Amino acid sequence: MSSESQRAPGRVPDFFVVGHHKSGTTAMYQMLRRHPQIYMPDMKEPEFFGRDLSRRAAAAASPDRRAPTYAQSRPRSYAEYLALFAAAEPDQRVGEASPSYLASPSAAGAIAAVQPAARIIAILREPASFLHSLHLQMLRNHVQSEPDLAKAIAGEDVGCGGEGRHEYLGRVRYVEQLSRYHDVFSAEQVLVLIYDDFRSDNQTAIRSVLRFLDVDAEVPIRPVDANPSLAARSRALDRWSHALRTGRGPFSRGVKTTSKVLIPQRMRRRAISTIQRKVVYASAAAPEESVMLELRKRFKPEVESLSEYLNRDLVALWGYDAVDPSSE
């Protein structure tokens, strides 16, 4: 533990939703923070304990990454991090959700150092579907330039300074990632959810989390379908709306400067977000099945290992029993 951690006063979170992106973590965060016995800050994904990953790589799939001040607003010191939880009531469970913590090699140990009693929640998704959805989010966040998933993975072209492999294939090391948490926390402190369960029976899944956190599991919480996978109707229109939102380019800077005088910032961002949601983006098309099959061939050994690790047949649940890695 650093001297900074020892000196900084404040409330350390009791629980952490550690990931993955595009696996229900945003919906989980939004639902949990509605519970009166739980406090989670307005800032989703503080990412404080995942700083061994670059800010850009860690944030690449975050729905908040589209905001121009994403990186600048994140806590830079332990004191700033603890300040996020200052408004929590003494009897509330305090938590945060940073999906990059699951991929981070150091986050588990860093969390254990400051909160050895922490409870950890991880959500895992079938690998090929996970990467397809992740790729769409990266395109939407403009940290990915290659619209073809197979080419993006093959070329590792994610615009993250050579860290592209981590952004895709490296994220599907589920057993290794979970092991880091089981190395520093007891089995009773780690809850692993499967995305399919969360999607098919949202209420049962959220109540299992509430029981895990030792809060009232009977409090009614409305289901949330957050951060759906979307694709741009037009890449040109997408680039234009992104430039307008971030103020890049002479035209967008002029519009932004004028709108600052006429329209409050919150209303301006809301208007641009509405345009993006209703005009720029649409529901994503189904992925190319041949690409998904190749990904499933690649990840079948990982799914088999994860099934054994969790003592659950994910091979059958995710359809990997029909996948033959040796077939052409």
Protein backbone atom coordinates (compact mmCIF):
# COMPACT_ATOMS: atom_id res chain seq x y z
CA MET A 1 0.00 0.00 0.00
CA SER A 2 1.35 3.43 -0.94
CA SER A 3 1.96 6.21 1.57
CA GLU A 4 -0.70 8.19 -0.32
CA SER A 5 -3.25 5.44 0.42
CA GLN A 6 -2.29 5.37 4.10
CA ARG A 7 -2.68 9.14 4.50
CA ALA A 8 -5.81 9.85 2.47
CA PRO A 9 -8.98 10.04 4.58
CA GLY A 10 -12.39 8.96 3.35
CA ARG A 11 -14.71 6.06 2.68
CA VAL A 12 -13.20 3.18 0.71
CA PRO A 13 -15.75 1.27 -1.43
CA ASP A 14 -17.18 -1.94 -0.04
CA PHE A 15 -17.72 -3.54 -3.44
CA PHE A 16 -16.48 -3.29 -7.02
CA VAL A 17 -18.17 -4.24 -10.31
CA VAL A 18 -15.01 -5.13 -12.20
CA GLY A 19 -16.17 -6.02 -15.71
CA HIS A 20 -16.27 -6.78 -18.55
CA HIS A 21 -17.37 -3.96 -20.86
CA LYS A 22 -20.41 -4.74 -23.04
CA SER A 23 -21.49 -7.43 -20.60
CA GLY A 24 -24.17 -5.69 -18.57
CA THR A 25 -21.97 -3.63 -16.26
CA THR A 26 -23.68 -0.34 -17.13
CA ALA A 27 -27.13 -1.80 -16.47
CA MET A 28 -25.84 -3.33 -13.23
CA TYR A 29 -24.45 0.01 -12.12
CA GLN A 30 -27.66 1.87 -12.92
CA MET A 31 -29.82 -0.68 -11.13
CA LEU A 32 -27.68 -0.98 -8.00
CA ARG A 33 -27.47 2.76 -7.46
CA ARG A 34 -31.26 2.92 -7.25
CA HIS A 35 -31.22 0.80 -4.09
CA PRO A 36 -31.59 2.96 -0.95
CA GLN A 37 -29.00 0.92 0.96
CA ILE A 38 -26.37 1.34 -1.77
CA TYR A 39 -24.33 4.38 -2.77
CA MET A 40 -22.54 4.54 -6.11
CA PRO A 41 -21.19 7.85 -7.44
CA ASP A 42 -22.47 9.65 -10.52
CA MET A 43 -19.16 8.83 -12.19
CA LYS A 44 -19.25 5.33 -13.60
CA GLU A 45 -15.79 3.90 -14.26
CA PRO A 46 -13.40 5.91 -12.08
CA GLU A 47 -10.72 3.41 -13.25
CA PHE A 48 -8.46 4.44 -10.39
CA PHE A 49 -7.08 0.95 -9.72
CA GLY A 50 -6.63 0.13 -13.41
CA ARG A 51 -3.98 2.73 -14.12
CA ASP A 52 -1.50 0.10 -15.32
CA LEU A 53 -3.56 0.19 -18.52
CA SER A 54 -3.34 3.35 -20.56
CA ARG A 55 -6.26 5.74 -20.03
CA ARG A 56 -7.22 5.42 -23.67
CA ALA A 57 -7.04 1.62 -23.75
CA ALA A 58 -8.98 1.28 -20.50
CA ALA A 59 -11.67 3.70 -21.64
CA ALA A 60 -11.97 2.54 -25.24
CA ALA A 61 -15.23 0.66 -24.76
CA SER A 62 -16.83 2.92 -22.18
CA PRO A 63 -20.12 4.58 -23.18
CA ASP A 64 -18.83 7.69 -21.37
CA ARG A 65 -15.75 7.82 -23.62
CA ARG A 66 -17.70 9.93 -26.13
CA ALA A 67 -17.67 12.88 -23.71
CA PRO A 68 -14.78 15.29 -24.45
CA THR A 69 -13.73 15.56 -20.77
CA TYR A 70 -13.71 11.80 -20.10
CA ALA A 71 -10.03 11.39 -19.18
CA GLN A 72 -9.62 14.79 -17.54
CA SER A 73 -12.52 14.19 -15.13
CA ARG A 74 -11.18 10.90 -13.72
CA PRO A 75 -9.58 11.01 -10.26
CA ARG A 76 -5.82 11.40 -10.39
CA SER A 77 -5.06 10.99 -6.69
CA TYR A 78 -6.32 8.62 -4.00
CA ALA A 79 -7.86 11.57 -2.16
CA GLU A 80 -9.77 12.57 -5.31
CA TYR A 81 -10.92 8.98 -5.70
CA LEU A 82 -12.22 8.73 -2.12
CA ALA A 83 -13.99 12.07 -2.54
CA LEU A 84 -16.31 10.36 -5.03
CA PHE A 85 -17.93 8.53 -2.10
CA ALA A 86 -18.10 11.41 0.37
CA ALA A 87 -21.88 11.77 0.04
CA ALA A 88 -22.60 8.17 1.11
CA GLU A 89 -24.60 7.65 4.29
CA PRO A 90 -22.80 5.73 7.08
CA ASP A 91 -25.20 2.77 6.79
CA GLN A 92 -25.01 2.47 3.00
CA ARG A 93 -22.94 -0.05 1.08
CA VAL A 94 -20.53 1.90 -1.12
CA GLY A 95 -19.45 0.67 -4.52
CA GLU A 96 -18.13 1.57 -7.95
CA ALA A 97 -18.09 0.02 -11.42
CA SER A 98 -14.94 0.05 -13.55
CA PRO A 99 -14.96 -2.74 -16.16
CA SER A 100 -11.28 -2.22 -16.94
CA TYR A 101 -10.41 -3.72 -13.54
CA LEU A 102 -10.96 -7.25 -14.83
CA ALA A 103 -8.45 -6.86 -17.65
CA SER A 104 -5.97 -4.97 -15.47
CA PRO A 105 -3.08 -7.13 -14.19
CA SER A 106 -2.71 -5.02 -11.05
CA ALA A 107 -6.23 -3.91 -10.07
CA ALA A 108 -7.08 -6.96 -7.94
CA GLY A 109 -3.99 -6.56 -5.75
CA ALA A 110 -4.43 -2.78 -5.52
CA ILE A 111 -8.05 -3.14 -4.42
CA ALA A 112 -7.14 -5.82 -1.84
CA ALA A 113 -4.44 -3.55 -0.41
CA VAL A 114 -6.91 -0.79 0.48
CA GLN A 115 -10.03 -2.90 1.07
CA PRO A 116 -9.29 -6.55 1.97
CA ALA A 117 -12.97 -7.09 2.80
CA ALA A 118 -14.13 -5.96 -0.64
CA ARG A 119 -16.76 -7.87 -2.54
CA ILE A 120 -16.11 -8.34 -6.24
CA ILE A 121 -18.69 -8.72 -9.03
CA ALA A 122 -17.63 -9.87 -12.49
CA ILE A 123 -19.90 -10.43 -15.51
CA LEU A 124 -18.70 -12.67 -18.34
CA ARG A 125 -20.12 -12.90 -21.85
CA GLU A 126 -19.70 -15.46 -24.62
CA PRO A 127 -16.37 -14.44 -26.20
CA ALA A 128 -17.34 -13.97 -29.87
CA SER A 129 -20.46 -11.94 -29.04
CA PHE A 130 -18.44 -9.95 -26.52
CA LEU A 131 -15.79 -9.00 -29.08
CA HIS A 132 -18.36 -8.14 -31.73
CA SER A 133 -20.15 -5.79 -29.33
CA LEU A 134 -16.84 -4.38 -28.08
CA HIS A 135 -15.77 -3.62 -31.64
CA LEU A 136 -19.03 -1.75 -32.33
CA GLN A 137 -18.53 0.34 -29.19
CA MET A 138 -14.95 1.18 -30.18
CA LEU A 139 -16.16 2.32 -33.59
CA ARG A 140 -18.78 4.47 -31.93
CA ASN A 141 -16.18 5.94 -29.56
CA HIS A 142 -13.84 6.70 -32.49
CA VAL A 143 -10.91 4.78 -31.04
CA GLN A 144 -11.32 2.17 -33.77
CA SER A 145 -11.09 2.99 -37.47
CA GLU A 146 -11.55 -0.43 -39.10
CA PRO A 147 -15.27 -1.30 -39.52
CA ASP A 148 -14.58 -4.95 -40.35
CA LEU A 149 -14.20 -7.00 -37.15
CA ALA A 150 -11.97 -9.69 -38.67
CA LYS A 151 -9.62 -7.06 -40.13
CA ALA A 152 -9.61 -5.09 -36.89
CA ILE A 153 -8.51 -8.15 -34.92
CA ALA A 154 -6.03 -9.35 -37.54
CA GLY A 155 -4.47 -5.91 -37.91
CA GLU A 156 -4.77 -4.94 -34.25
CA ASP A 157 -5.76 -1.51 -35.57
CA VAL A 158 -7.58 0.09 -32.66
CA GLY A 159 -5.76 3.39 -32.51
CA CYS A 160 -4.30 2.73 -29.07
CA GLY A 161 -0.60 3.11 -29.65
CA GLY A 162 0.19 -0.53 -30.32
CA GLU A 163 -1.99 -1.86 -27.50
CA GLY A 164 -4.58 -3.23 -29.89
CA ARG A 165 -4.00 -6.89 -29.05
CA HIS A 166 -4.95 -6.22 -25.47
CA GLU A 167 -8.07 -4.45 -26.66
CA TYR A 168 -9.45 -7.56 -28.32
CA LEU A 169 -7.99 -11.03 -27.91
CA GLY A 170 -6.28 -10.24 -24.62
CA ARG A 171 -9.59 -9.47 -22.99
CA VAL A 172 -10.79 -13.05 -23.37
CA ARG A 173 -8.52 -14.54 -20.73
CA TYR A 174 -11.33 -15.13 -18.32
CA VAL A 175 -9.70 -17.77 -16.11
CA GLU A 176 -6.50 -15.76 -15.76
CA GLN A 177 -8.48 -12.61 -14.93
CA LEU A 178 -10.67 -14.31 -12.33
CA SER A 179 -7.66 -16.06 -10.81
CA ARG A 180 -6.10 -12.70 -9.95
CA TYR A 181 -9.11 -11.91 -7.78
CA HIS A 182 -9.30 -15.38 -6.23
CA ASP A 183 -5.61 -15.08 -5.35
CA VAL A 184 -6.28 -12.10 -3.06
CA PHE A 185 -9.93 -12.57 -2.05
CA SER A 186 -11.79 -15.58 -0.67
CA ALA A 187 -14.28 -17.42 -2.86
CA GLU A 188 -17.10 -15.94 -0.76
CA GLN A 189 -15.98 -12.43 -1.74
CA VAL A 190 -16.15 -12.98 -5.51
CA LEU A 191 -19.42 -13.29 -7.43
CA VAL A 192 -19.18 -14.31 -11.09
CA LEU A 193 -22.29 -13.73 -13.19
CA ILE A 194 -22.94 -14.96 -16.71
CA TYR A 195 -24.30 -12.33 -19.08
CA ASP A 196 -26.93 -14.74 -20.47
CA ASP A 197 -28.46 -15.12 -17.01
CA PHE A 198 -28.50 -11.38 -16.47
CA ARG A 199 -30.25 -10.85 -19.81
CA SER A 200 -32.76 -13.69 -19.56
CA ASP A 201 -33.79 -13.20 -15.92
CA ASN A 202 -32.72 -9.73 -14.89
CA GLN A 203 -34.59 -9.72 -11.58
CA THR A 204 -33.19 -13.03 -10.34
CA ALA A 205 -29.66 -11.93 -11.22
CA ILE A 206 -29.92 -8.55 -9.52
CA ARG A 207 -31.41 -10.12 -6.39
CA SER A 208 -28.50 -12.54 -6.19
CA VAL A 209 -26.20 -9.50 -6.27
CA LEU A 210 -28.20 -7.74 -3.53
CA ARG A 211 -27.98 -10.82 -1.31
CA PHE A 212 -24.26 -11.01 -2.04
CA LEU A 213 -23.93 -7.40 -0.84
CA ASP A 214 -26.01 -8.07 2.29
CA VAL A 215 -28.71 -5.51 1.50
CA ASP A 216 -32.47 -5.94 1.24
CA ALA A 217 -33.03 -8.13 -1.82
CA GLU A 218 -36.79 -7.45 -1.88
CA VAL A 219 -36.52 -3.76 -2.74
CA PRO A 220 -38.18 -3.36 -6.18
CA ILE A 221 -35.69 -2.26 -8.83
CA ARG A 222 -36.82 -1.61 -12.38
CA PRO A 223 -34.84 -3.52 -15.03
CA VAL A 224 -32.49 -1.49 -17.21
CA ASP A 225 -31.36 -2.16 -20.77
CA ALA A 226 -28.37 0.16 -20.94
CA ASN A 227 -25.76 0.81 -23.62
CA PRO A 228 -27.17 -1.36 -26.46
CA SER A 229 -24.94 -2.27 -29.41
CA LEU A 230 -25.45 0.28 -32.17
CA ALA A 231 -23.88 0.95 -35.56
CA ALA A 232 -23.64 4.18 -37.53
CA ARG A 233 -26.06 4.57 -40.44
CA SER A 234 -23.43 6.67 -42.22
CA ARG A 235 -19.74 6.93 -41.36
CA ALA A 236 -19.63 10.49 -42.73
CA LEU A 237 -22.57 11.53 -40.56
CA ASP A 238 -20.99 9.78 -37.59
CA ARG A 239 -17.70 11.67 -38.08
CA TRP A 240 -19.60 14.97 -38.38
CA SER A 241 -21.60 14.43 -35.17
CA HIS A 242 -18.48 13.31 -33.32
CA ALA A 243 -16.59 16.41 -34.46
CA LEU A 244 -19.51 18.59 -33.38
CA ARG A 245 -19.65 16.93 -29.97
CA THR A 246 -15.91 17.25 -29.34
CA GLY A 247 -15.46 20.65 -31.01
CA ARG A 248 -12.87 19.43 -33.51
CA GLY A 249 -12.51 20.99 -36.92
CA PRO A 250 -13.11 24.63 -37.94
CA PHE A 251 -16.83 24.21 -38.68
CA SER A 252 -17.60 22.38 -35.45
CA ARG A 253 -15.53 24.84 -33.42
CA GLY A 254 -17.49 27.71 -34.94
CA VAL A 255 -20.81 26.03 -34.19
CA LYS A 256 -19.65 25.18 -30.69
CA THR A 257 -18.49 28.74 -30.01
CA THR A 258 -21.78 30.20 -31.21
CA SER A 259 -23.88 27.64 -29.34
CA LYS A 260 -22.03 28.39 -26.10
CA VAL A 261 -23.47 31.88 -26.22
CA LEU A 262 -26.99 30.78 -27.10
CA ILE A 263 -27.45 27.34 -25.51
CA PRO A 264 -26.42 26.09 -22.03
CA GLN A 265 -23.81 23.30 -22.09
CA ARG A 266 -26.12 20.63 -20.68
CA MET A 267 -28.83 21.37 -23.23
CA ARG A 268 -26.27 21.43 -26.04
CA ARG A 269 -24.86 18.01 -25.15
CA ARG A 270 -28.34 16.59 -24.73
CA ALA A 271 -29.33 17.86 -28.18
CA ILE A 272 -26.26 16.35 -29.85
CA SER A 273 -26.79 13.04 -28.02
CA THR A 274 -30.41 12.97 -29.18
CA ILE A 275 -29.33 13.54 -32.79
CA GLN A 276 -26.76 10.76 -32.52
CA ARG A 277 -29.24 8.35 -30.95
CA LYS A 278 -32.14 9.00 -33.34
CA VAL A 279 -30.43 9.95 -36.59
CA VAL A 280 -26.79 8.81 -36.65
CA TYR A 281 -27.07 5.34 -35.08
CA ALA A 282 -29.33 2.32 -35.58
CA SER A 283 -29.48 -1.19 -34.18
CA ALA A 284 -26.41 -3.11 -35.27
CA ALA A 285 -26.72 -5.75 -37.96
CA ALA A 286 -25.99 -9.37 -37.09
CA PRO A 287 -22.28 -10.19 -37.31
CA GLU A 288 -20.90 -12.27 -40.16
CA GLU A 289 -21.32 -15.87 -39.05
CA SER A 290 -18.03 -17.05 -40.59
CA VAL A 291 -16.13 -14.51 -38.49
CA MET A 292 -18.00 -15.52 -35.34
CA LEU A 293 -17.27 -19.18 -36.02
CA GLU A 294 -13.54 -18.51 -36.37
CA LEU A 295 -13.57 -16.62 -33.07
CA ARG A 296 -15.39 -19.48 -31.36
CA LYS A 297 -12.82 -21.94 -32.67
CA ARG A 298 -10.08 -19.76 -31.24
CA PHE A 299 -11.75 -19.43 -27.86
CA LYS A 300 -13.13 -22.93 -27.34
CA PRO A 301 -10.18 -23.95 -25.10
CA GLU A 302 -10.77 -20.85 -22.96
CA VAL A 303 -14.47 -21.65 -22.63
CA GLU A 304 -13.64 -25.25 -21.66
CA SER A 305 -11.20 -24.02 -19.02
CA LEU A 306 -13.72 -21.50 -17.71
CA SER A 307 -16.40 -24.20 -17.48
CA GLU A 308 -14.11 -26.28 -15.32
CA TYR A 309 -13.00 -23.27 -13.27
CA LEU A 310 -16.59 -22.19 -12.48
CA ASN A 311 -17.97 -25.73 -12.39
CA ARG A 312 -20.62 -24.81 -14.93
CA ASP A 313 -21.15 -26.12 -18.46
CA LEU A 314 -20.62 -22.96 -20.47
CA VAL A 315 -19.53 -25.06 -23.46
CA ALA A 316 -23.15 -26.16 -23.93
CA LEU A 317 -24.71 -22.87 -22.83
CA TRP A 318 -22.70 -20.87 -25.36
CA GLY A 319 -22.97 -23.46 -28.16
CA TYR A 320 -19.29 -24.42 -28.18
CA ASP A 321 -20.13 -28.13 -28.09
CA ALA A 322 -20.89 -27.80 -31.82
CA VAL A 323 -17.59 -26.03 -32.57
CA ASP A 324 -14.74 -28.10 -33.99
CA PRO A 325 -11.48 -26.10 -33.78
CA SER A 326 -9.75 -28.45 -36.27
CA SER A 327 -12.32 -28.01 -39.05
CA GLU A 328 -11.66 -25.73 -42.00
